[in-house]
Amino acid sequence: MRRMRVHCVLAGLVMLLLVGRAHAADESSRPRNILFIAIDDLNHWVGHLGRHPQANTPSIDRLAAEGVSFTRSYCTAPACNPSRASLMSGMRPDTTGCYLNAHDWHPGIPEEQLLNSCLASAGYRVLGAGKIYHGAKDRGGHWDDYFDGGGETPPRHPSAPDDGVGGITFSPLDGEDEAMPDHRVVDWCLDRLQEKSDQPFFIACGLVKPHMPFSVPKKWFDMFPLESIQLPPWKEDDLEDVPPEGVKMAGAAGDHARILASGRWKEAVQAYLATSAFCDFQVGRLLEGLEKSGHADDTLVVLWTDHGWSLGEKSHWRKFALWEEPTRTVMVWKVPGLTPAGQRCGRTVDYLTIYPTLIDLQGLKRPGHLEGQSLAPLLADPTAAWREPAITTHGRGNHAVRTERWRYIRYADGGEELYDSEADPLEYVNLAAVPAHARLKEELAMLLPTADAPPLPQRGGASSGGGRKAQQKRRNPPQADR
């Protein structure tokens, strides 16, 4: 904890010096308000990151062009519930014991420590809509007002043959955007932007799409003609050098086998692209509303996606794994007076940074339980030095560490994977067994959590071990990536 505090102090000093930005030293020039945009299941298929050539996300790309986008941003857990619980609490899954969607985070995280509670205590008007925690009705901490989205989605379009393949569900809908819950969530947030108050606001807008089912009005599907769809890269033998626990996570005998047998892989990709485009349109509506509200010059905007998503890479679908596709996220910051326009930051960061960054930028006292560092120096100068890796956990004892060059995975049973992301960005070749990399593996392993809290009880009261706050300790990271 002392080391983290020292890092925080140093980060604050660096921010004060960078480019002489008076905003960091002058409380009156800080953005007064926060617009916090959370997106569910959107992977790095956005235009400005270039991972899929057909991604159509002009609104998110426009925000990136106006601020700083992180090209190596990762979740702390590749599942909705633990990722959001970690981000909103500022603590890792191995500290709280919230590892999986089934775990009830409430017994492991005091609600007064949550980000929204912290901001409420500091005098903010705290407003939320849609999915911020695991669901619109599974909310925690203090909210002055909250809207869950209300109502059902439109029915399946008559042209759709069925609702997908096995557990991978998708189909066009017979309706208009206005009938979608996400549209209503944005409407509600737009109304809140128009309200007058002496208090600064924190508006958390949680968009559910592109979470499954990949189902939005048919016009969005029509943007991506099926015959033109490009599949993600896939090697049939990709899992041959992956240890058993990784193969188990991939679930290739389930989702991917069924998709291949159905011949509908392109349809699933089309549906994901369509649903992502719909999501981007809602982001655009929100950002346009901010501009019209008169608050744009006085509002910090942060957009984040709760984890990645696989669509057949490594014979894997969904999140729930520790590779690049399920763990890489979209994170964009626009901070008036601080962020340069259109900059990409290639430093490797994870979502423990979001809470402390907001606290730092708002000039608030940092809560003692936070385990991450502020991104403020990187927001001012995206090329600034940064020593921390990204760490992702899926289930107790299963961890991945990501640096700017390497991904190292170690499972609870001792299985290992090592990928050189410069030479092998698609993670085809597991180098863990190569003797020449033994020293590198030791260094990367030093960055992993050393104490894994017992899992929290499952939702509904079933026990999965219980436990409360086993603080992780990590040794100093290597000076530079290899």
Protein backbone atom coordinates (compact mmCIF):
# COMPACT_ATOMS: atom_id res chain seq x y z
CA MET A 1 0.00 0.00 0.00
CA ARG A 2 2.88 2.37 0.84
CA ARG A 3 4.39 1.70 -2.58
CA MET A 4 1.08 2.51 -4.27
CA ARG A 5 0.83 5.79 -2.34
CA VAL A 6 4.34 6.76 -3.40
CA HIS A 7 3.41 6.00 -7.02
CA CYS A 8 0.29 8.14 -6.65
CA VAL A 9 2.28 11.10 -5.27
CA LEU A 10 4.85 10.82 -8.05
CA ALA A 11 2.13 10.60 -10.67
CA GLY A 12 0.55 13.77 -9.31
CA LEU A 13 3.89 15.61 -9.43
CA VAL A 14 4.50 14.51 -13.00
CA MET A 15 1.06 15.70 -14.00
CA LEU A 16 1.72 19.15 -12.54
CA LEU A 17 4.90 19.49 -14.55
CA LEU A 18 3.77 18.06 -17.87
CA VAL A 19 3.55 20.72 -20.59
CA GLY A 20 2.89 23.31 -17.86
CA ARG A 21 -0.78 22.37 -17.72
CA ALA A 22 -2.24 24.93 -15.34
CA HIS A 23 -5.46 22.93 -15.08
CA ALA A 24 -3.79 20.41 -12.77
CA ALA A 25 -2.71 23.12 -10.37
CA ASP A 26 -5.80 25.33 -10.57
CA GLU A 27 -8.86 23.77 -9.01
CA SER A 28 -11.17 26.21 -10.81
CA SER A 29 -10.06 24.93 -14.22
CA ARG A 30 -10.79 21.24 -13.61
CA PRO A 31 -13.77 19.78 -15.51
CA ARG A 32 -16.67 20.08 -13.11
CA ASN A 33 -18.72 17.11 -14.34
CA ILE A 34 -18.20 13.48 -15.38
CA LEU A 35 -19.91 11.57 -18.20
CA PHE A 36 -19.14 7.89 -17.64
CA ILE A 37 -20.04 5.67 -20.61
CA ALA A 38 -20.02 1.91 -19.95
CA ILE A 39 -20.50 -0.52 -22.85
CA ASP A 40 -21.23 -4.23 -22.47
CA ASP A 41 -19.35 -6.88 -24.49
CA LEU A 42 -17.90 -4.51 -27.11
CA ASN A 43 -14.47 -5.84 -28.03
CA HIS A 44 -11.71 -3.98 -29.89
CA TRP A 45 -13.64 -4.11 -33.18
CA VAL A 46 -13.84 -0.34 -33.43
CA GLY A 47 -12.61 1.66 -36.40
CA HIS A 48 -9.72 3.53 -34.86
CA LEU A 49 -8.16 0.35 -33.38
CA GLY A 50 -8.28 -1.43 -36.75
CA ARG A 51 -8.78 -4.98 -35.48
CA HIS A 52 -11.64 -5.77 -37.87
CA PRO A 53 -11.74 -3.92 -41.22
CA GLN A 54 -15.53 -3.75 -41.35
CA ALA A 55 -16.13 -2.21 -37.93
CA ASN A 56 -18.36 0.85 -38.29
CA THR A 57 -18.04 3.00 -35.17
CA PRO A 58 -17.80 6.67 -36.24
CA SER A 59 -18.99 8.07 -32.90
CA ILE A 60 -16.45 6.24 -30.77
CA ASP A 61 -13.78 7.03 -33.35
CA ARG A 62 -14.75 10.71 -33.24
CA LEU A 63 -14.40 10.73 -29.46
CA ALA A 64 -10.97 9.13 -29.87
CA ALA A 65 -10.07 11.86 -32.35
CA GLU A 66 -10.94 14.47 -29.73
CA GLY A 67 -9.10 12.87 -26.82
CA VAL A 68 -6.76 10.01 -25.84
CA SER A 69 -7.48 6.39 -26.75
CA PHE A 70 -5.61 3.54 -25.07
CA THR A 71 -4.52 0.90 -27.58
CA ARG A 72 -3.42 -1.57 -24.90
CA SER A 73 -6.29 -1.37 -22.43
CA TYR A 74 -7.41 -4.52 -20.60
CA CYS A 75 -10.12 -5.63 -18.19
CA THR A 76 -9.24 -7.02 -14.77
CA ALA A 77 -11.67 -9.90 -15.37
CA PRO A 78 -13.16 -11.21 -18.66
CA ALA A 79 -16.75 -11.34 -17.43
CA CYS A 80 -19.33 -8.64 -16.72
CA ASN A 81 -19.84 -9.04 -12.99
CA PRO A 82 -16.22 -9.27 -11.75
CA SER A 83 -14.96 -6.70 -14.26
CA ARG A 84 -17.50 -4.10 -13.19
CA ALA A 85 -17.17 -4.88 -9.50
CA SER A 86 -13.41 -4.44 -9.79
CA LEU A 87 -13.61 -1.21 -11.78
CA MET A 88 -16.24 0.37 -9.54
CA SER A 89 -14.47 -0.65 -6.32
CA GLY A 90 -10.89 -0.03 -7.43
CA MET A 91 -9.87 -3.48 -6.19
CA ARG A 92 -8.77 -6.62 -8.01
CA PRO A 93 -10.83 -9.83 -8.15
CA ASP A 94 -8.18 -11.64 -6.13
CA THR A 95 -8.63 -9.04 -3.37
CA THR A 96 -12.43 -9.13 -3.19
CA GLY A 97 -13.05 -12.77 -4.18
CA CYS A 98 -15.43 -11.75 -6.97
CA TYR A 99 -14.07 -13.83 -9.85
CA LEU A 100 -17.06 -14.96 -11.90
CA ASN A 101 -20.51 -13.84 -12.96
CA ALA A 102 -22.03 -16.25 -10.43
CA HIS A 103 -20.36 -14.54 -7.47
CA ASP A 104 -22.28 -12.05 -5.36
CA TRP A 105 -19.93 -9.08 -5.03
CA HIS A 106 -21.88 -7.36 -2.26
CA PRO A 107 -20.40 -9.32 0.71
CA GLY A 108 -16.86 -8.60 -0.50
CA ILE A 109 -17.06 -4.87 -1.25
CA PRO A 110 -18.27 -2.26 1.26
CA GLU A 111 -20.73 -0.08 -0.63
CA GLU A 112 -19.26 3.14 0.73
CA GLN A 113 -16.04 2.28 -1.14
CA LEU A 114 -17.72 2.23 -4.56
CA LEU A 115 -16.95 4.96 -7.08
CA ASN A 116 -20.48 6.35 -7.18
CA SER A 117 -20.65 6.44 -3.36
CA CYS A 118 -17.29 8.20 -3.19
CA LEU A 119 -18.45 10.88 -5.63
CA ALA A 120 -21.76 11.27 -3.81
CA SER A 121 -19.88 11.87 -0.56
CA ALA A 122 -17.84 14.54 -2.35
CA GLY A 123 -20.99 16.44 -3.29
CA TYR A 124 -21.71 15.14 -6.77
CA ARG A 125 -25.20 14.54 -8.08
CA VAL A 126 -24.86 10.85 -8.91
CA LEU A 127 -27.14 9.60 -11.69
CA GLY A 128 -27.14 6.17 -13.38
CA ALA A 129 -28.95 4.37 -16.15
CA GLY A 130 -28.73 0.95 -17.77
CA LYS A 131 -25.97 -1.50 -16.92
CA ILE A 132 -23.25 -0.16 -14.65
CA TYR A 133 -22.85 -3.09 -12.29
CA HIS A 134 -23.82 -6.60 -13.42
CA GLY A 135 -27.35 -5.55 -14.27
CA ALA A 136 -29.58 -2.52 -14.13
CA LYS A 137 -31.27 -3.93 -11.03
CA ASP A 138 -27.99 -5.12 -9.45
CA ARG A 139 -26.72 -1.73 -8.43
CA GLY A 140 -24.62 -0.78 -5.47
CA GLY A 141 -23.72 2.24 -3.43
CA HIS A 142 -25.42 5.62 -3.53
CA TRP A 143 -27.42 6.91 -6.52
CA ASP A 144 -29.53 10.05 -6.48
CA ASP A 145 -31.59 8.63 -9.33
CA TYR A 146 -31.43 5.52 -11.51
CA PHE A 147 -33.24 4.31 -14.63
CA ASP A 148 -33.09 0.64 -15.61
CA GLY A 149 -34.05 1.05 -19.27
CA GLY A 150 -37.56 -0.31 -18.89
CA GLY A 151 -39.51 -2.51 -21.28
CA GLU A 152 -38.72 -5.30 -23.72
CA THR A 153 -36.92 -5.32 -27.06
CA PRO A 154 -38.91 -5.67 -30.30
CA PRO A 155 -39.71 -9.14 -31.70
CA ARG A 156 -37.55 -11.03 -34.20
CA HIS A 157 -37.85 -9.85 -37.79
CA PRO A 158 -39.96 -12.14 -40.01
CA SER A 159 -36.99 -12.62 -42.33
CA ALA A 160 -34.83 -14.15 -39.58
CA PRO A 161 -34.68 -17.95 -39.77
CA ASP A 162 -34.19 -18.41 -35.99
CA ASP A 163 -32.33 -16.96 -33.03
CA GLY A 164 -28.82 -18.19 -33.73
CA VAL A 165 -26.77 -21.30 -33.10
CA GLY A 166 -26.84 -22.97 -29.69
CA GLY A 167 -25.85 -20.43 -27.08
CA ILE A 168 -24.66 -17.88 -29.64
CA THR A 169 -27.87 -15.94 -30.21
CA PHE A 170 -28.48 -13.39 -32.96
CA SER A 171 -31.23 -12.17 -35.27
CA PRO A 172 -32.52 -8.91 -36.77
CA LEU A 173 -35.47 -7.32 -35.01
CA ASP A 174 -38.77 -6.05 -36.36
CA GLY A 175 -38.84 -2.57 -34.91
CA GLU A 176 -37.19 0.83 -34.66
CA ASP A 177 -34.33 2.12 -32.54
CA GLU A 178 -36.71 3.93 -30.21
CA ALA A 179 -38.08 0.58 -29.00
CA MET A 180 -34.67 -0.57 -27.75
CA PRO A 181 -33.81 -0.28 -24.03
CA ASP A 182 -30.44 1.33 -24.82
CA HIS A 183 -32.20 4.07 -26.76
CA ARG A 184 -34.40 4.78 -23.74
CA VAL A 185 -31.33 4.82 -21.47
CA VAL A 186 -29.68 7.46 -23.66
CA ASP A 187 -32.93 9.46 -23.77
CA TRP A 188 -32.97 9.47 -19.97
CA CYS A 189 -29.32 10.59 -19.77
CA LEU A 190 -29.97 13.33 -22.31
CA ASP A 191 -32.79 14.62 -20.13
CA ARG A 192 -30.47 14.64 -17.10
CA LEU A 193 -27.93 16.70 -19.07
CA GLN A 194 -30.56 19.40 -19.49
CA GLU A 195 -31.33 19.68 -15.79
CA LYS A 196 -30.03 22.62 -13.78
CA SER A 197 -28.22 22.07 -10.51
CA ASP A 198 -25.66 23.76 -8.30
CA GLN A 199 -23.99 20.36 -7.86
CA PRO A 200 -21.52 18.85 -10.33
CA PHE A 201 -22.90 15.71 -11.96
CA PHE A 202 -21.67 12.18 -12.44
CA ILE A 203 -23.85 10.61 -15.14
CA ALA A 204 -23.19 6.90 -15.67
CA CYS A 205 -24.72 5.66 -18.92
CA GLY A 206 -24.62 1.86 -19.27
CA LEU A 207 -25.30 0.49 -22.76
CA VAL A 208 -26.10 -3.23 -22.91
CA LYS A 209 -25.57 -3.84 -26.62
CA PRO A 210 -23.65 -5.52 -28.17
CA HIS A 211 -24.24 -8.06 -25.41
CA MET A 212 -26.04 -11.17 -26.71
CA PRO A 213 -28.41 -11.60 -28.29
CA PHE A 214 -26.81 -9.74 -31.18
CA SER A 215 -30.23 -8.42 -32.09
CA VAL A 216 -31.05 -4.90 -33.22
CA PRO A 217 -33.42 -3.46 -35.84
CA LYS A 218 -32.85 -4.95 -39.27
CA LYS A 219 -31.53 -1.73 -40.81
CA TRP A 220 -28.31 -2.24 -38.87
CA PHE A 221 -27.86 -5.72 -40.35
CA ASP A 222 -28.41 -4.27 -43.82
CA MET A 223 -25.30 -2.12 -43.35
CA PHE A 224 -23.23 -5.32 -43.48
CA PRO A 225 -24.25 -7.47 -46.48
CA LEU A 226 -23.73 -11.10 -45.58
CA GLU A 227 -21.77 -11.92 -48.72
CA SER A 228 -19.20 -9.25 -47.84
CA ILE A 229 -18.54 -10.35 -44.26
CA GLN A 230 -14.91 -11.05 -43.36
CA LEU A 231 -14.35 -13.73 -40.73
CA PRO A 232 -11.79 -13.25 -37.97
CA PRO A 233 -8.51 -15.17 -38.32
CA TRP A 234 -8.61 -18.78 -37.17
CA LYS A 235 -6.22 -21.75 -37.20
CA GLU A 236 -7.73 -25.18 -36.85
CA ASP A 237 -4.77 -26.44 -34.80
CA ASP A 238 -4.42 -23.31 -32.69
CA LEU A 239 -5.14 -25.06 -29.39
CA GLU A 240 -2.61 -27.86 -29.80
CA ASP A 241 0.04 -26.01 -27.78
CA VAL A 242 -2.42 -24.67 -25.18
CA PRO A 243 -2.51 -26.36 -21.73
CA PRO A 244 -5.66 -28.25 -20.69
CA GLU A 245 -7.14 -25.45 -18.60
CA GLY A 246 -6.87 -23.06 -21.56
CA VAL A 247 -8.49 -25.59 -23.88
CA LYS A 248 -11.26 -25.97 -21.34
CA MET A 249 -11.84 -22.23 -21.29
CA ALA A 250 -11.95 -22.14 -25.09
CA GLY A 251 -14.84 -24.58 -25.16
CA ALA A 252 -14.05 -25.42 -28.79
CA ALA A 253 -16.13 -28.59 -28.68
CA GLY A 254 -19.17 -26.49 -27.86
CA ASP A 255 -19.78 -23.08 -29.38
CA HIS A 256 -17.20 -23.15 -32.16
CA ALA A 257 -17.97 -26.68 -33.27
CA ARG A 258 -21.65 -25.83 -33.49
CA ILE A 259 -20.98 -22.63 -35.41
CA LEU A 260 -18.79 -24.47 -37.93
CA ALA A 261 -21.33 -27.24 -38.36
CA SER A 262 -24.14 -24.74 -38.90
CA GLY A 263 -22.35 -22.83 -41.64
CA ARG A 264 -23.53 -19.59 -40.00
CA TRP A 265 -20.25 -18.07 -38.83
CA LYS A 266 -20.65 -15.11 -41.19
CA GLU A 267 -24.16 -14.49 -39.89
CA ALA A 268 -22.88 -14.31 -36.32
CA VAL A 269 -20.11 -11.88 -37.30
CA GLN A 270 -22.61 -9.80 -39.29
CA ALA A 271 -24.87 -9.65 -36.24
CA TYR A 272 -22.03 -8.58 -33.95
CA LEU A 273 -20.94 -5.83 -36.34
CA ALA A 274 -24.56 -4.66 -36.68
CA THR A 275 -25.14 -4.60 -32.94
CA SER A 276 -21.87 -2.76 -32.37
CA ALA A 277 -22.87 -0.16 -34.97
CA PHE A 278 -26.18 0.34 -33.17
CA CYS A 279 -24.28 0.82 -29.90
CA ASP A 280 -22.00 3.38 -31.55
CA PHE A 281 -25.05 5.30 -32.78
CA GLN A 282 -26.30 5.55 -29.20
CA VAL A 283 -22.88 6.82 -28.10
CA GLY A 284 -23.15 9.44 -30.82
CA ARG A 285 -26.54 10.57 -29.58
CA LEU A 286 -25.15 10.94 -26.08
CA LEU A 287 -22.08 12.91 -27.17
CA GLU A 288 -24.18 15.18 -29.39
CA GLY A 289 -26.51 15.80 -26.46
CA LEU A 290 -23.54 16.74 -24.29
CA GLU A 291 -22.46 19.29 -26.90
CA LYS A 292 -25.95 20.80 -27.05
CA SER A 293 -26.31 20.88 -23.27
CA GLY A 294 -23.69 23.56 -22.80
CA HIS A 295 -21.68 21.31 -20.46
CA ALA A 296 -19.15 20.00 -22.99
CA ASP A 297 -16.32 22.34 -21.98
CA ASP A 298 -16.86 21.53 -18.34
CA THR A 299 -17.34 17.75 -18.52
CA LEU A 300 -14.80 14.94 -18.44
CA VAL A 301 -15.83 12.03 -20.69
CA VAL A 302 -14.56 8.49 -20.20
CA LEU A 303 -15.82 5.61 -22.36
CA TRP A 304 -14.97 2.01 -21.51
CA THR A 305 -16.05 -1.50 -22.46
CA ASP A 306 -16.22 -4.08 -19.70
CA HIS A 307 -14.09 -6.73 -21.46
CA GLY A 308 -13.42 -8.14 -24.91
CA TRP A 309 -15.24 -10.81 -26.88
CA SER A 310 -14.13 -13.68 -29.12
CA LEU A 311 -15.90 -14.63 -32.33
CA GLY A 312 -14.01 -17.81 -33.20
CA GLU A 313 -10.41 -16.77 -32.67
CA LYS A 314 -8.57 -19.65 -30.97
CA SER A 315 -11.79 -21.67 -31.50
CA HIS A 316 -13.33 -19.59 -28.72
CA TRP A 317 -16.58 -17.64 -28.44
CA ARG A 318 -17.72 -15.17 -25.79
CA LYS A 319 -15.46 -13.74 -23.09
CA PHE A 320 -14.39 -16.04 -20.20
CA ALA A 321 -10.74 -16.60 -21.23
CA LEU A 322 -7.35 -14.95 -20.73
CA TRP A 323 -6.23 -14.30 -24.32
CA GLU A 324 -6.07 -11.00 -26.20
CA GLU A 325 -9.55 -11.05 -27.72
CA PRO A 326 -11.53 -11.65 -24.50
CA THR A 327 -9.43 -9.23 -22.43
CA ARG A 328 -8.62 -6.24 -24.66
CA THR A 329 -11.01 -3.34 -24.32
CA VAL A 330 -11.87 0.08 -25.69
CA MET A 331 -11.03 2.99 -23.39
CA VAL A 332 -11.15 6.65 -24.44
CA TRP A 333 -10.76 9.79 -22.33
CA LYS A 334 -11.59 13.37 -23.23
CA VAL A 335 -10.66 15.80 -20.48
CA PRO A 336 -11.03 19.49 -21.35
CA GLY A 337 -7.81 21.34 -20.63
CA LEU A 338 -5.74 18.18 -20.26
CA THR A 339 -5.98 15.61 -23.06
CA PRO A 340 -4.43 16.39 -26.44
CA ALA A 341 -6.70 15.67 -29.40
CA GLY A 342 -6.41 12.49 -31.42
CA GLN A 343 -3.62 10.85 -29.44
CA ARG A 344 -3.10 7.12 -28.97
CA CYS A 345 -1.47 5.82 -25.83
CA GLY A 346 0.34 2.51 -26.27
CA ARG A 347 1.10 1.96 -22.60
CA THR A 348 -0.39 -1.19 -21.10
CA VAL A 349 -3.10 -0.37 -18.58
CA ASP A 350 -5.97 -2.15 -16.89
CA TYR A 351 -9.20 -1.00 -15.32
CA LEU A 352 -7.85 -0.48 -11.81
CA THR A 353 -6.77 2.89 -13.21
CA ILE A 354 -10.23 4.37 -13.89
CA TYR A 355 -11.37 5.05 -10.31
CA PRO A 356 -8.13 6.70 -9.13
CA THR A 357 -7.90 8.74 -12.33
CA LEU A 358 -11.35 10.23 -11.81
CA ILE A 359 -10.53 11.00 -8.18
CA ASP A 360 -7.23 12.58 -9.20
CA LEU A 361 -8.68 14.70 -11.99
CA GLN A 362 -11.47 15.98 -9.77
CA GLY A 363 -9.03 16.99 -7.05
CA LEU A 364 -10.58 14.68 -4.47
CA LYS A 365 -8.91 12.82 -1.62
CA ARG A 366 -7.85 9.37 -2.74
CA PRO A 367 -9.60 6.52 -0.83
CA GLY A 368 -7.10 4.28 0.92
CA HIS A 369 -8.46 1.02 -0.53
CA LEU A 370 -7.66 1.82 -4.18
CA GLU A 371 -5.09 -0.53 -5.73
CA GLY A 372 -4.46 1.17 -9.07
CA GLN A 373 -2.63 4.25 -10.31
CA SER A 374 -3.96 7.42 -11.88
CA LEU A 375 -3.71 7.75 -15.64
CA ALA A 376 -3.45 11.54 -15.39
CA PRO A 377 0.22 11.67 -16.53
CA LEU A 378 -0.63 9.56 -19.60
CA LEU A 379 -3.67 11.68 -20.38
CA ALA A 380 -1.50 14.79 -20.44
CA ASP A 381 1.33 13.06 -22.32
CA PRO A 382 0.45 9.66 -23.86
CA THR A 383 4.17 8.92 -24.30
CA ALA A 384 5.03 9.40 -20.62
CA ALA A 385 6.78 6.60 -18.75
CA TRP A 386 4.57 3.89 -17.27
CA ARG A 387 5.86 0.79 -15.51
CA GLU A 388 2.68 -1.04 -14.54
CA PRO A 389 1.42 -4.05 -16.56
CA ALA A 390 -2.19 -5.07 -17.06
CA ILE A 391 -3.39 -8.03 -15.03
CA THR A 392 -6.50 -10.07 -15.81
CA THR A 393 -7.98 -12.81 -13.62
CA HIS A 394 -10.58 -15.42 -14.58
CA GLY A 395 -11.48 -17.69 -11.69
CA ARG A 396 -9.37 -18.11 -8.60
CA GLY A 397 -5.70 -18.68 -9.38
CA ASN A 398 -5.94 -18.10 -13.15
CA HIS A 399 -4.10 -14.94 -14.16
CA ALA A 400 -2.67 -13.20 -17.21
CA VAL A 401 -0.12 -10.41 -17.20
CA ARG A 402 0.15 -8.21 -20.30
CA THR A 403 3.05 -5.86 -20.97
CA GLU A 404 3.63 -3.86 -24.13
CA ARG A 405 5.25 -6.89 -25.74
CA TRP A 406 4.32 -10.03 -23.82
CA ARG A 407 1.30 -11.93 -22.55
CA TYR A 408 1.99 -14.51 -19.86
CA ILE A 409 -0.81 -16.75 -18.56
CA ARG A 410 -0.55 -19.04 -15.58
CA TYR A 411 -3.46 -21.23 -14.56
CA ALA A 412 -4.27 -22.48 -11.09
CA ASP A 413 -3.03 -25.96 -12.02
CA GLY A 414 0.36 -24.60 -13.16
CA GLY A 415 -0.30 -24.59 -16.92
CA GLU A 416 1.41 -21.75 -18.78
CA GLU A 417 1.16 -19.74 -21.98
CA LEU A 418 3.56 -17.10 -23.27
CA TYR A 419 3.01 -14.99 -26.39
CA ASP A 420 5.21 -12.42 -28.10
CA SER A 421 2.63 -9.84 -29.11
CA GLU A 422 4.99 -8.01 -31.44
CA ALA A 423 5.89 -11.05 -33.52
CA ASP A 424 2.65 -12.97 -32.95
CA PRO A 425 -0.29 -10.58 -32.34
CA LEU A 426 -2.86 -13.35 -32.93
CA GLU A 427 -1.25 -15.54 -30.24
CA TYR A 428 -0.76 -18.60 -32.40
CA VAL A 429 2.54 -19.81 -30.88
CA ASN A 430 2.78 -20.62 -27.17
CA LEU A 431 6.41 -19.99 -26.17
CA ALA A 432 6.08 -21.12 -22.56
CA ALA A 433 8.08 -24.30 -23.10
CA VAL A 434 10.98 -22.57 -24.88
CA PRO A 435 14.04 -22.75 -22.57
CA ALA A 436 15.36 -19.39 -23.77
CA HIS A 437 12.31 -17.69 -22.23
CA ALA A 438 12.66 -19.19 -18.75
CA ARG A 439 14.10 -16.01 -17.25
CA LEU A 440 11.42 -13.88 -18.91
CA LYS A 441 8.69 -16.11 -17.49
CA GLU A 442 10.16 -15.71 -14.02
CA GLU A 443 10.10 -11.93 -14.36
CA LEU A 444 6.53 -11.88 -15.64
CA ALA A 445 5.39 -14.32 -12.95
CA MET A 446 6.67 -11.86 -10.33
CA LEU A 447 3.95 -9.47 -11.48
CA LEU A 448 1.09 -11.87 -10.78
CA PRO A 449 -1.02 -11.75 -7.61
CA THR A 450 0.46 -13.83 -4.81
CA ALA A 451 -2.62 -14.12 -2.59
CA ASP A 452 -5.96 -15.22 -4.07
CA ALA A 453 -8.96 -14.46 -1.86
CA PRO A 454 -11.44 -17.31 -1.46
CA PRO A 455 -14.39 -16.96 -3.88
CA LEU A 456 -17.39 -15.04 -2.63
CA PRO A 457 -20.73 -16.81 -2.21
CA GLN A 458 -22.74 -17.37 -5.35
CA ARG A 459 -25.82 -15.35 -6.05
CA GLY A 460 -28.84 -16.79 -4.34
CA GLY A 461 -26.89 -17.85 -1.27
CA ALA A 462 -24.95 -20.91 -2.48
CA SER A 463 -21.53 -21.02 -0.87
CA SER A 464 -18.35 -21.02 -2.93
CA GLY A 465 -15.87 -20.53 -0.15
CA GLY A 466 -16.63 -17.07 1.22
CA GLY A 467 -13.85 -14.66 2.08
CA ARG A 468 -13.02 -10.99 2.40
CA LYS A 469 -10.07 -8.98 1.22
CA ALA A 470 -6.81 -10.82 0.92
CA GLN A 471 -4.58 -8.02 -0.27
CA GLN A 472 -2.41 -8.83 -3.28
CA LYS A 473 1.25 -8.01 -3.19
CA ARG A 474 3.44 -7.70 -6.25
CA ARG A 475 7.16 -7.17 -6.57
CA ASN A 476 8.53 -4.29 -8.59
CA PRO A 477 7.96 -4.74 -12.33
CA PRO A 478 10.90 -5.08 -14.72
CA GLN A 479 12.38 -1.80 -15.89
CA ALA A 480 11.28 -2.35 -19.48
CA ASP A 481 9.56 -4.87 -21.71
CA ARG A 482 11.71 -7.46 -23.36
